[in-house]
């Protein structure tokens, strides 16, 4: 059975319109029921607010209300909405770092086992298959020296703010989420590999205060050693996200830098880049897999498509997590191209329904 009735879908779509009455007001019965997206023991969640079309414009409270509307009980929550809700000044809410190709080439040239000539080799987590959902990805046009300097200055101010943040505020936010029935399983940081050591410690401490099981960020080969040291120092898993350029060998290399270094396996990107199922890798390293990103893509760097229309064995992977009782959250990452202005609500609900049917069949 679908997770929502046709009538509830209509109310969800209405609630998503600007100025519309919220679902909580439209249907108090739905508001009173805590969201649940765990089926057959497998937590199905969402990458938020990325799936809602933004990284930086929503607060954690905005995200929570949307999750309640959708019935999502598990999230990979990005740092920007968290920090906005904890008092971060608006001018310090930063997206992904702008690209400095000269610095990227220098990092690539100094990284062991990496061919000189470009940032994608050293940072395959920021590869060319950028998402449609959350704004610009790393890998765009190079920035002017002035733009880079302005970003770096803001990033330094952000670091100072982070170092002064009382973690009691984060615990209050965790209480708010848990009271509503939503678990913050993963905390995602843009530019994780570029953070200073004290910011890496901060990211782990913040994730712990929020009740998360891991921090996540894009895979960066030059940062493996520092990330491994931070993960082990804080006894907190850091799940490295890979795009099409990431192979099992690269993750295996990362695992050698610390026992708390993990893999955020994007099963769609894995299929598109490796032209094979990621399930054997997940089986072998299931204790290292912090979470998977669920999307459907075609092989040979093919496009993102609706669930069930691509080459990604979504059903097989979800059922393996279910049958083996692996503690691996399945986080939907929505990157299906949509016309500008399209309401995502029905599409996100279809993704959840698909996962539910895979797990209950």
Protein backbone atom coordinates (compact mmCIF):
# COMPACT_ATOMS: atom_id res chain seq x y z
CA UNK A 1 0.00 0.00 0.00
CA UNK A 2 1.22 3.57 -0.69
CA UNK A 3 2.45 5.46 2.36
CA UNK A 4 -0.14 8.19 1.72
CA UNK A 5 -3.69 8.16 0.39
CA UNK A 6 -4.57 10.13 -2.74
CA UNK A 7 -6.35 12.71 -0.54
CA UNK A 8 -3.30 13.11 1.71
CA UNK A 9 -1.08 13.53 -1.35
CA UNK A 10 -3.29 16.39 -2.47
CA UNK A 11 -2.99 18.04 0.93
CA UNK A 12 0.78 17.58 0.90
CA UNK A 13 1.02 19.23 -2.49
CA UNK A 14 -1.19 22.10 -1.31
CA UNK A 15 0.93 22.58 1.79
CA UNK A 16 4.02 22.90 -0.39
CA UNK A 17 2.61 25.93 -2.24
CA UNK A 18 3.82 29.37 -1.13
CA UNK A 19 1.40 30.89 1.37
CA UNK A 20 -0.62 27.70 1.72
CA UNK A 21 -1.90 26.45 5.05
CA UNK A 22 0.51 23.91 6.52
CA UNK A 23 -0.39 20.23 6.61
CA UNK A 24 -0.30 20.39 10.39
CA UNK A 25 -3.27 22.79 10.28
CA UNK A 26 -5.01 21.01 7.42
CA UNK A 27 -5.09 17.64 9.15
CA UNK A 28 -4.45 17.55 12.92
CA UNK A 29 -4.71 13.75 12.89
CA UNK A 30 -1.71 13.52 10.56
CA UNK A 31 0.15 16.11 12.64
CA UNK A 32 -0.45 14.09 15.81
CA UNK A 33 1.02 10.92 14.27
CA UNK A 34 4.80 10.92 14.35
CA UNK A 35 6.43 10.26 10.98
CA UNK A 36 7.76 6.78 10.35
CA UNK A 37 9.76 5.68 7.33
CA UNK A 38 11.29 2.51 8.76
CA UNK A 39 10.02 -0.60 6.99
CA UNK A 40 11.03 -4.18 7.75
CA UNK A 41 13.68 -2.81 10.08
CA UNK A 42 15.36 -0.59 7.46
CA UNK A 43 15.48 3.15 8.02
CA UNK A 44 14.59 5.03 4.84
CA UNK A 45 15.31 8.74 5.03
CA UNK A 46 16.21 11.79 3.00
CA UNK A 47 19.14 14.08 2.33
CA UNK A 48 17.70 17.36 3.57
CA UNK A 49 17.21 20.14 2.70
CA UNK A 50 19.02 19.09 -0.50
CA UNK A 51 16.01 17.05 -1.61
CA UNK A 52 13.83 20.14 -1.15
CA UNK A 53 15.91 22.09 -3.67
CA UNK A 54 18.27 24.03 -1.42
CA UNK A 55 21.30 23.78 0.83
CA UNK A 56 21.22 27.10 2.64
CA UNK A 57 17.79 28.77 2.65
CA UNK A 58 15.94 26.63 5.21
CA UNK A 59 16.34 26.49 8.96
CA UNK A 60 16.38 23.17 10.83
CA UNK A 61 12.82 23.95 11.99
CA UNK A 62 11.69 24.48 8.38
CA UNK A 63 13.25 21.15 7.45
CA UNK A 64 11.57 19.40 10.36
CA UNK A 65 8.11 20.61 9.38
CA UNK A 66 8.64 19.45 5.82
CA UNK A 67 9.81 16.04 7.05
CA UNK A 68 6.69 15.72 9.18
CA UNK A 69 4.57 16.59 6.13
CA UNK A 70 6.27 13.88 4.09
CA UNK A 71 6.31 11.27 6.85
CA UNK A 72 10.11 11.08 6.87
CA UNK A 73 11.49 9.73 10.15
CA UNK A 74 15.22 9.64 9.36
CA UNK A 75 17.44 12.33 7.83
CA UNK A 76 20.91 13.22 6.69
CA UNK A 77 20.77 16.85 7.77
CA UNK A 78 23.17 19.42 6.37
CA UNK A 79 25.16 21.71 8.60
CA UNK A 80 23.76 24.94 7.12
CA UNK A 81 20.17 24.61 8.43
CA UNK A 82 21.47 23.27 11.73
CA UNK A 83 23.78 26.23 12.25
CA UNK A 84 21.14 28.71 11.10
CA UNK A 85 18.87 27.43 13.85
CA UNK A 86 21.72 27.66 16.35
CA UNK A 87 22.20 31.37 15.67
CA UNK A 88 24.68 31.57 12.79
CA UNK A 89 24.59 35.06 11.19
CA UNK A 90 23.04 34.93 7.69
CA UNK A 91 26.20 36.21 5.98
CA UNK A 92 28.13 33.19 7.28
CA UNK A 93 25.72 30.54 5.93
CA UNK A 94 28.02 29.24 3.20
CA UNK A 95 27.43 26.78 0.40
CA UNK A 96 30.13 24.63 -1.26
CA UNK A 97 33.50 26.33 -1.60
CA UNK A 98 34.17 28.04 -4.94
CA UNK A 99 36.67 26.27 -7.16
CA UNK A 100 40.29 27.35 -7.10
CA UNK A 101 41.71 25.22 -9.89
CA UNK A 102 45.33 26.13 -9.21
CA UNK A 103 45.03 24.97 -5.60
CA UNK A 104 43.18 21.84 -6.75
CA UNK A 105 45.98 20.98 -9.17
CA UNK A 106 48.58 21.53 -6.46
CA UNK A 107 46.71 19.22 -4.09
CA UNK A 108 46.33 16.59 -6.81
CA UNK A 109 50.02 16.72 -7.60
CA UNK A 110 50.99 16.14 -3.98
CA UNK A 111 48.53 13.33 -3.30
CA UNK A 112 49.99 9.80 -3.37
CA UNK A 113 48.85 7.69 -6.29
CA UNK A 114 47.09 10.61 -8.00
CA UNK A 115 47.86 11.79 -11.50
CA UNK A 116 48.65 15.47 -11.89
CA UNK A 117 46.38 17.65 -13.94
CA UNK A 118 43.15 18.41 -12.11
CA UNK A 119 41.11 18.54 -8.96
CA UNK A 120 38.72 15.74 -9.90
CA UNK A 121 41.48 13.16 -9.57
CA UNK A 122 42.35 14.24 -6.04
CA UNK A 123 38.77 15.01 -5.07
CA UNK A 124 36.60 12.46 -6.90
CA UNK A 125 33.79 13.16 -4.46
CA UNK A 126 33.30 16.49 -6.21
CA UNK A 127 33.13 15.06 -9.69
CA UNK A 128 31.27 16.18 -12.78
CA UNK A 129 27.88 14.59 -12.12
CA UNK A 130 26.54 17.41 -9.99
CA UNK A 131 23.03 17.22 -8.61
CA UNK A 132 20.03 19.12 -9.82
CA UNK A 133 18.48 19.40 -6.40
CA UNK A 134 20.70 21.46 -4.23
CA UNK A 135 22.31 24.26 -6.15
CA UNK A 136 25.77 24.59 -7.70
CA UNK A 137 28.30 21.85 -7.18
CA UNK A 138 32.03 22.05 -6.95
CA UNK A 139 33.48 21.79 -10.41
CA UNK A 140 31.96 25.01 -11.82
CA UNK A 141 33.77 27.94 -13.42
CA UNK A 142 36.90 29.18 -11.65
CA UNK A 143 36.39 32.12 -9.32
CA UNK A 144 38.19 35.46 -9.37
CA UNK A 145 40.85 36.10 -6.73
CA UNK A 146 38.48 38.59 -5.10
CA UNK A 147 35.67 36.03 -4.89
CA UNK A 148 38.01 33.43 -3.44
CA UNK A 149 39.36 35.92 -0.89
CA UNK A 150 35.84 36.91 0.19
CA UNK A 151 34.82 33.28 0.64
CA UNK A 152 37.95 32.45 2.61
CA UNK A 153 37.36 35.45 4.90
CA UNK A 154 33.78 34.35 5.54
CA UNK A 155 34.96 30.78 6.14
CA UNK A 156 37.41 32.05 8.76
CA UNK A 157 34.64 33.97 10.52
CA UNK A 158 32.49 30.84 10.37
CA UNK A 159 35.27 28.85 12.03
CA UNK A 160 35.50 31.39 14.85
CA UNK A 161 31.72 31.22 15.37
CA UNK A 162 31.82 27.44 15.47
CA UNK A 163 34.52 27.41 18.11
CA UNK A 164 32.34 29.55 20.41
CA UNK A 165 29.08 27.60 20.00
CA UNK A 166 27.65 26.05 23.21
CA UNK A 167 26.70 22.45 22.44
CA UNK A 168 23.69 22.77 24.75
CA UNK A 169 21.92 24.51 21.85
CA UNK A 170 22.49 21.48 19.64
CA UNK A 171 21.10 19.18 22.30
CA UNK A 172 17.96 21.34 22.45
CA UNK A 173 17.57 20.97 18.67
CA UNK A 174 17.98 17.20 18.99
CA UNK A 175 15.20 17.15 21.60
CA UNK A 176 12.93 19.08 19.23
CA UNK A 177 13.53 16.60 16.40
CA UNK A 178 13.15 13.52 18.56
CA UNK A 179 9.94 14.84 20.11
CA UNK A 180 8.55 15.16 16.57
CA UNK A 181 9.64 11.60 15.71
CA UNK A 182 12.50 12.47 13.34
CA UNK A 183 16.01 11.07 13.87
CA UNK A 184 19.09 12.97 12.72
CA UNK A 185 21.20 9.99 11.64
CA UNK A 186 23.89 11.81 9.65
CA UNK A 187 25.22 15.39 9.70
CA UNK A 188 26.56 16.52 6.31
CA UNK A 189 29.29 19.15 5.93
CA UNK A 190 30.17 20.75 2.60
CA UNK A 191 33.92 21.01 2.07
CA UNK A 192 34.67 18.56 4.89
CA UNK A 193 38.18 17.89 3.64
CA UNK A 194 39.04 21.60 3.72
CA UNK A 195 38.06 22.13 7.36
CA UNK A 196 40.73 22.83 9.96
CA UNK A 197 41.46 20.18 12.58
CA UNK A 198 39.49 22.07 15.22
CA UNK A 199 36.52 22.32 12.85
CA UNK A 200 36.70 18.60 12.17
CA UNK A 201 36.54 18.03 15.92
CA UNK A 202 33.62 20.47 16.05
CA UNK A 203 31.79 18.57 13.29
CA UNK A 204 32.08 15.32 15.24
CA UNK A 205 31.07 16.95 18.53
CA UNK A 206 28.06 18.61 16.89
CA UNK A 207 26.97 15.32 15.31
CA UNK A 208 27.21 13.55 18.67
CA UNK A 209 25.16 16.28 20.36
CA UNK A 210 22.46 15.82 17.71
CA UNK A 211 22.39 12.05 18.25
CA UNK A 212 23.87 11.25 14.83
CA UNK A 213 25.81 8.09 14.13
CA UNK A 214 28.16 9.72 11.58
CA UNK A 215 29.42 12.86 9.90
CA UNK A 216 29.45 12.85 6.10
CA UNK A 217 31.23 14.81 3.42
CA UNK A 218 32.63 14.58 -0.09
CA UNK A 219 35.57 12.23 -0.57
CA UNK A 220 38.93 14.01 -0.91
CA UNK A 221 42.08 11.92 -1.33
CA UNK A 222 44.52 14.57 -0.02
CA UNK A 223 42.45 14.83 3.18
CA UNK A 224 42.36 11.08 3.96
CA UNK A 225 45.00 11.23 6.68
CA UNK A 226 43.50 14.23 8.50
CA UNK A 227 39.96 12.86 8.22
CA UNK A 228 41.07 9.48 9.54
CA UNK A 229 42.86 11.08 12.47
CA UNK A 230 39.82 13.23 13.30
CA UNK A 231 37.43 10.27 13.06
CA UNK A 232 39.55 8.09 15.34
CA UNK A 233 40.32 10.96 17.72
CA UNK A 234 36.61 11.59 18.22
CA UNK A 235 35.52 7.95 17.87
CA UNK A 236 32.96 9.13 15.34
CA UNK A 237 32.44 7.66 11.89
CA UNK A 238 33.08 9.96 8.96
CA UNK A 239 31.25 8.66 5.88
CA UNK A 240 32.94 9.72 2.65
CA UNK A 241 30.59 10.27 -0.27
CA UNK A 242 31.67 9.19 -3.72
CA UNK A 243 30.58 10.25 -7.19
CA UNK A 244 31.22 8.41 -10.47
CA UNK A 245 35.03 8.68 -10.23
CA UNK A 246 35.19 6.78 -6.94
CA UNK A 247 36.13 3.10 -7.14
CA UNK A 248 36.15 0.46 -4.39
CA UNK A 249 39.96 0.72 -4.34
CA UNK A 250 39.75 4.42 -3.40
CA UNK A 251 37.44 3.68 -0.46
CA UNK A 252 39.72 0.82 0.60
CA UNK A 253 42.62 3.26 0.57
CA UNK A 254 40.62 5.63 2.78
CA UNK A 255 39.78 2.84 5.25
CA UNK A 256 43.51 2.37 5.86
CA UNK A 257 43.71 5.81 7.52
CA UNK A 258 41.45 5.02 10.47
CA UNK A 259 39.00 2.51 11.85
CA UNK A 260 36.27 5.18 11.97
CA UNK A 261 36.62 6.12 8.30
CA UNK A 262 33.47 4.98 6.53
CA UNK A 263 31.79 5.04 3.14
CA UNK A 264 28.63 6.85 2.13
CA UNK A 265 27.91 4.66 -0.87
CA UNK A 266 25.83 6.47 -3.46
CA UNK A 267 24.46 3.42 -5.22
CA UNK A 268 23.39 5.38 -8.32
CA UNK A 269 26.76 7.05 -8.84
CA UNK A 270 28.50 3.72 -8.15
CA UNK A 271 26.57 2.02 -10.95
CA UNK A 272 27.11 4.92 -13.34
CA UNK A 273 30.86 5.06 -12.70
CA UNK A 274 31.80 1.42 -12.09
CA UNK A 275 29.26 -0.21 -14.41
CA UNK A 276 28.45 -2.89 -11.87
CA UNK A 277 26.38 -3.41 -8.74
CA UNK A 278 27.68 -1.92 -5.48
CA UNK A 279 26.19 -4.81 -3.48
CA UNK A 280 29.39 -6.91 -3.32
CA UNK A 281 31.27 -3.88 -1.94
CA UNK A 282 28.49 -3.17 0.58
CA UNK A 283 28.48 -6.82 1.67
CA UNK A 284 32.25 -6.85 2.18
CA UNK A 285 32.39 -3.55 4.06
CA UNK A 286 28.91 -3.29 5.59
CA UNK A 287 30.42 -2.36 8.97
CA UNK A 288 32.12 0.61 7.28
CA UNK A 289 29.08 1.79 5.32
CA UNK A 290 27.63 4.69 7.31
CA UNK A 291 24.66 5.03 4.94
CA UNK A 292 23.73 4.66 1.30
CA UNK A 293 22.32 7.28 -1.02
CA UNK A 294 19.41 5.85 -2.95
CA UNK A 295 18.98 7.02 -6.51
CA UNK A 296 18.63 5.29 -9.87
CA UNK A 297 21.09 5.88 -12.71
CA UNK A 298 22.08 4.21 -15.94
CA UNK A 299 25.47 2.58 -16.40
CA UNK A 300 28.30 4.23 -18.37
CA UNK A 301 27.82 7.61 -16.70
CA UNK A 302 24.15 7.53 -17.58
CA UNK A 303 21.53 9.97 -16.31
CA UNK A 304 19.46 10.01 -13.13
CA UNK A 305 16.07 8.44 -13.80
CA UNK A 306 12.92 7.59 -11.87
CA UNK A 307 13.29 4.68 -9.46
CA UNK A 308 12.96 1.37 -11.28
CA UNK A 309 13.90 2.77 -14.70
CA UNK A 310 17.69 2.62 -14.43
CA UNK A 311 20.42 0.03 -13.88
CA UNK A 312 20.77 0.50 -10.11
CA UNK A 313 19.66 -2.62 -8.18
CA UNK A 314 17.75 -0.62 -5.55
CA UNK A 315 15.43 -3.47 -4.56
CA UNK A 316 18.25 -6.01 -4.25
CA UNK A 317 20.33 -3.68 -2.07
CA UNK A 318 17.47 -2.66 0.22
CA UNK A 319 16.45 -6.28 0.70
CA UNK A 320 20.05 -7.26 1.48
CA UNK A 321 20.16 -4.59 4.20
CA UNK A 322 16.84 -5.93 5.49
CA UNK A 323 17.74 -9.62 5.38
CA UNK A 324 21.19 -9.19 6.92
CA UNK A 325 19.97 -6.69 9.52
CA UNK A 326 22.80 -4.32 8.64
CA UNK A 327 22.59 -0.98 10.40
CA UNK A 328 22.70 1.05 7.21
CA UNK A 329 20.21 3.91 6.73
CA UNK A 330 18.95 4.21 3.16
CA UNK A 331 18.93 7.94 2.42
CA UNK A 332 17.05 9.04 -0.68
CA UNK A 333 19.00 11.67 -2.60
CA UNK A 334 16.72 13.22 -5.19
CA UNK A 335 18.57 14.27 -8.35
CA UNK A 336 16.02 13.54 -11.07
CA UNK A 337 15.95 16.57 -13.40
CA UNK A 338 12.69 18.50 -13.10
CA UNK A 339 11.47 21.66 -14.85
CA UNK A 340 12.09 24.83 -12.80
CA UNK A 341 9.33 25.52 -10.31
CA UNK A 342 8.09 21.92 -10.21
CA UNK A 343 6.62 20.86 -6.86
CA UNK A 344 8.86 18.05 -5.62
CA UNK A 345 6.41 16.68 -3.07
CA UNK A 346 4.71 14.04 -5.26
CA UNK A 347 8.07 12.91 -6.63
CA UNK A 348 9.60 12.53 -3.17
CA UNK A 349 6.58 10.55 -2.01
CA UNK A 350 6.93 8.24 -5.02
CA UNK A 351 10.56 7.59 -4.07
CA UNK A 352 9.51 6.68 -0.55
CA UNK A 353 6.70 4.45 -1.80
CA UNK A 354 9.14 2.64 -4.10
CA UNK A 355 11.52 1.91 -1.22
CA UNK A 356 8.67 0.78 0.99
CA UNK A 357 7.39 -1.66 -1.62
CA UNK A 358 10.92 -3.05 -2.12
CA UNK A 359 11.26 -3.72 1.60
CA UNK A 360 7.80 -5.18 2.17
CA UNK A 361 7.81 -7.50 -0.83
